[in-house]
Amino acid sequence: MGGAILMNLAERAAATQKTYDKFRGKSFDWHGATCGHLLRSHLRNMGHKPPPMPSYRSAVGAKRALKDMGACDLTALLEGLGLMPILPAEMIVGDLAVLPGEDGPFDAVVVCAGNKMMGWHGAGEGLQMIADVLPHVKAAFRV
C-alpha cells in the first residue's frame, strides 16, 4: 500500500467525517464494528487500497486474522501496510494512532479527528470522540 496520499486538510477532514458517519452510534461488535473494520474503512476513505481483511467474529478470530496478515499486533499491521510512523504530536486529522487496549488482548486503533481521537472506549456506548489520549499513544502513523 505504502506512503501517505497527498490530501489537503479539507479533504482529510471530509474523509474522516465519512469514516465517522459510517460507524456513528455503533457499539463495538465483532461482527463488523471493530477497530480493524474502522481501520480498513478509513484507509479506503483516505484513498488507500488496503488488502482484504480476513473475516473474524471473536477475539480468537481477530488474533488469527492478524497472523494471517503477517502481523503479531496492530502496530505491526500498520507498519506492514507501509504507513509512515510519526510522532504522536505530529498527527493531523485523518492519521492513525495505536492506544493500549482496555480489557482484552489487543491494543486499539483510533483515527485522529483534530484534538480528539475517534474510536471505541470501554467507558461509553458506541463510537466516541476520545479526548486527552496523546500521552497514551503507543504508535502513530501518517495516512
Protein backbone atom coordinates (compact mmCIF):
# COMPACT_ATOMS: atom_id res chain seq x y z
CA MET A 1 0.00 0.00 0.00
CA GLY A 2 2.72 2.36 1.14
CA GLY A 3 3.10 6.01 1.95
CA ALA A 4 0.85 8.94 2.53
CA ILE A 5 -1.50 10.13 -0.17
CA LEU A 6 -1.32 13.87 -0.69
CA MET A 7 -4.58 15.38 0.52
CA ASN A 8 -5.24 18.87 1.80
CA LEU A 9 -6.71 19.30 5.28
CA ALA A 10 -10.25 19.81 3.97
CA GLU A 11 -10.07 16.51 2.05
CA ARG A 12 -8.62 14.74 5.08
CA ALA A 13 -11.41 16.13 7.26
CA ALA A 14 -14.08 15.07 4.76
CA ALA A 15 -12.65 11.53 4.59
CA THR A 16 -12.50 11.35 8.39
CA GLN A 17 -16.10 12.57 8.62
CA LYS A 18 -17.14 9.84 6.16
CA THR A 19 -15.49 7.25 8.43
CA TYR A 20 -17.25 8.72 11.46
CA ASP A 21 -20.62 8.73 9.68
CA LYS A 22 -20.27 5.03 8.83
CA PHE A 23 -19.65 3.96 12.43
CA ARG A 24 -21.50 6.68 14.37
CA GLY A 25 -23.72 5.21 17.05
CA LYS A 26 -22.46 1.67 16.50
CA SER A 27 -21.31 -0.19 19.57
CA PHE A 28 -18.20 -2.34 19.36
CA ASP A 29 -19.22 -5.63 17.76
CA TRP A 30 -17.06 -8.48 16.47
CA HIS A 31 -19.48 -8.76 13.53
CA GLY A 32 -18.39 -5.59 11.75
CA ALA A 33 -17.70 -2.76 14.20
CA THR A 34 -14.15 -3.23 15.49
CA CYS A 35 -11.09 -1.06 15.21
CA GLY A 36 -9.96 -3.35 12.37
CA HIS A 37 -13.12 -2.54 10.42
CA LEU A 38 -12.71 1.15 11.28
CA LEU A 39 -9.10 0.99 10.08
CA ARG A 40 -9.89 -0.60 6.73
CA SER A 41 -12.83 1.70 6.04
CA HIS A 42 -10.81 4.79 6.94
CA LEU A 43 -7.87 3.78 4.77
CA ARG A 44 -10.24 3.40 1.83
CA ASN A 45 -11.85 6.77 2.56
CA MET A 46 -8.37 8.31 2.58
CA GLY A 47 -7.64 6.94 -0.90
CA HIS A 48 -5.61 3.85 0.01
CA LYS A 49 -6.27 0.34 -1.27
CA PRO A 50 -5.76 -1.88 1.75
CA PRO A 51 -5.59 -5.63 1.25
CA PRO A 52 -8.70 -7.67 2.01
CA MET A 53 -9.18 -8.32 5.68
CA PRO A 54 -9.85 -11.89 6.78
CA SER A 55 -13.26 -12.14 8.44
CA TYR A 56 -13.44 -12.72 12.18
CA ARG A 57 -16.21 -12.96 14.74
CA SER A 58 -14.30 -13.14 18.02
CA ALA A 59 -11.08 -12.14 19.75
CA VAL A 60 -9.56 -15.51 18.81
CA GLY A 61 -10.56 -14.97 15.17
CA ALA A 62 -9.15 -11.44 15.20
CA LYS A 63 -5.83 -12.73 16.52
CA ARG A 64 -5.81 -15.34 13.73
CA ALA A 65 -6.66 -12.65 11.15
CA LEU A 66 -3.68 -10.56 12.31
CA LYS A 67 -1.43 -13.59 11.98
CA ASP A 68 -2.84 -14.34 8.51
CA MET A 69 -1.97 -10.76 7.52
CA GLY A 70 1.60 -11.29 8.76
CA ALA A 71 1.36 -9.21 11.92
CA CYS A 72 1.67 -10.01 15.60
CA ASP A 73 -0.25 -6.88 16.69
CA LEU A 74 -1.93 -3.76 15.32
CA THR A 75 1.26 -1.68 15.28
CA ALA A 76 2.98 -4.35 13.18
CA LEU A 77 -0.05 -4.45 10.89
CA LEU A 78 0.11 -0.69 10.27
CA GLU A 79 3.85 -0.91 9.67
CA GLY A 80 3.29 -3.82 7.29
CA LEU A 81 0.79 -1.74 5.33
CA GLY A 82 3.62 0.71 4.63
CA LEU A 83 2.21 3.60 6.63
CA MET A 84 4.82 6.11 7.75
CA PRO A 85 5.43 6.20 11.52
CA ILE A 86 5.24 9.67 13.01
CA LEU A 87 5.47 11.18 16.46
CA PRO A 88 2.11 11.45 18.22
CA ALA A 89 2.50 15.24 18.35
CA GLU A 90 2.73 15.29 14.53
CA MET A 91 -0.72 13.76 14.00
CA ILE A 92 -3.22 15.71 11.93
CA VAL A 93 -6.82 14.91 11.11
CA GLY A 94 -7.09 11.51 9.42
CA ASP A 95 -3.91 9.98 10.87
CA LEU A 96 -3.98 6.77 12.91
CA ALA A 97 -2.82 6.00 16.43
CA VAL A 98 -2.49 2.84 18.46
CA LEU A 99 -3.67 3.05 22.07
CA PRO A 100 -3.31 0.43 24.79
CA GLY A 101 -6.27 -1.91 24.93
CA GLU A 102 -8.57 -1.75 27.91
CA ASP A 103 -9.67 -5.22 28.95
CA GLY A 104 -8.53 -7.52 26.23
CA PRO A 105 -5.55 -8.95 24.44
CA PHE A 106 -5.49 -6.17 21.84
CA ASP A 107 -4.46 -2.59 21.55
CA ALA A 108 -6.86 -0.27 19.77
CA VAL A 109 -6.56 1.70 16.54
CA VAL A 110 -8.11 5.17 16.60
CA VAL A 111 -8.42 7.90 14.00
CA CYS A 112 -7.21 11.43 14.70
CA ALA A 113 -10.16 13.80 14.42
CA GLY A 114 -8.35 17.01 15.31
CA ASN A 115 -7.87 17.41 19.05
CA LYS A 116 -9.72 14.13 19.78
CA MET A 117 -9.44 10.53 18.63
CA MET A 118 -12.29 8.56 17.10
CA GLY A 119 -12.68 5.02 18.38
CA TRP A 120 -14.32 2.69 20.85
CA HIS A 121 -13.73 3.21 24.55
CA GLY A 122 -14.90 0.97 27.35
CA ALA A 123 -16.43 3.84 29.30
CA GLY A 124 -19.21 4.58 26.82
CA GLU A 125 -21.65 3.30 24.27
CA GLY A 126 -20.83 3.38 20.59
CA LEU A 127 -18.05 5.02 18.65
CA GLN A 128 -16.77 8.03 20.56
CA MET A 129 -14.59 11.08 20.30
CA ILE A 130 -11.98 10.44 22.97
CA ALA A 131 -10.05 13.35 24.49
CA ASP A 132 -6.72 13.57 26.30
CA VAL A 133 -5.15 10.42 24.89
CA LEU A 134 -1.96 11.84 23.38
CA PRO A 135 0.22 10.77 26.35
CA HIS A 136 -1.05 7.18 25.94
CA VAL A 137 -0.37 6.79 22.20
CA LYS A 138 1.89 3.79 21.64
CA ALA A 139 2.41 4.46 17.91
CA ALA A 140 1.17 6.96 15.33
CA PHE A 141 1.07 6.79 11.55
CA ARG A 142 0.55 9.25 8.71
CA VAL A 143 -2.31 8.18 6.45
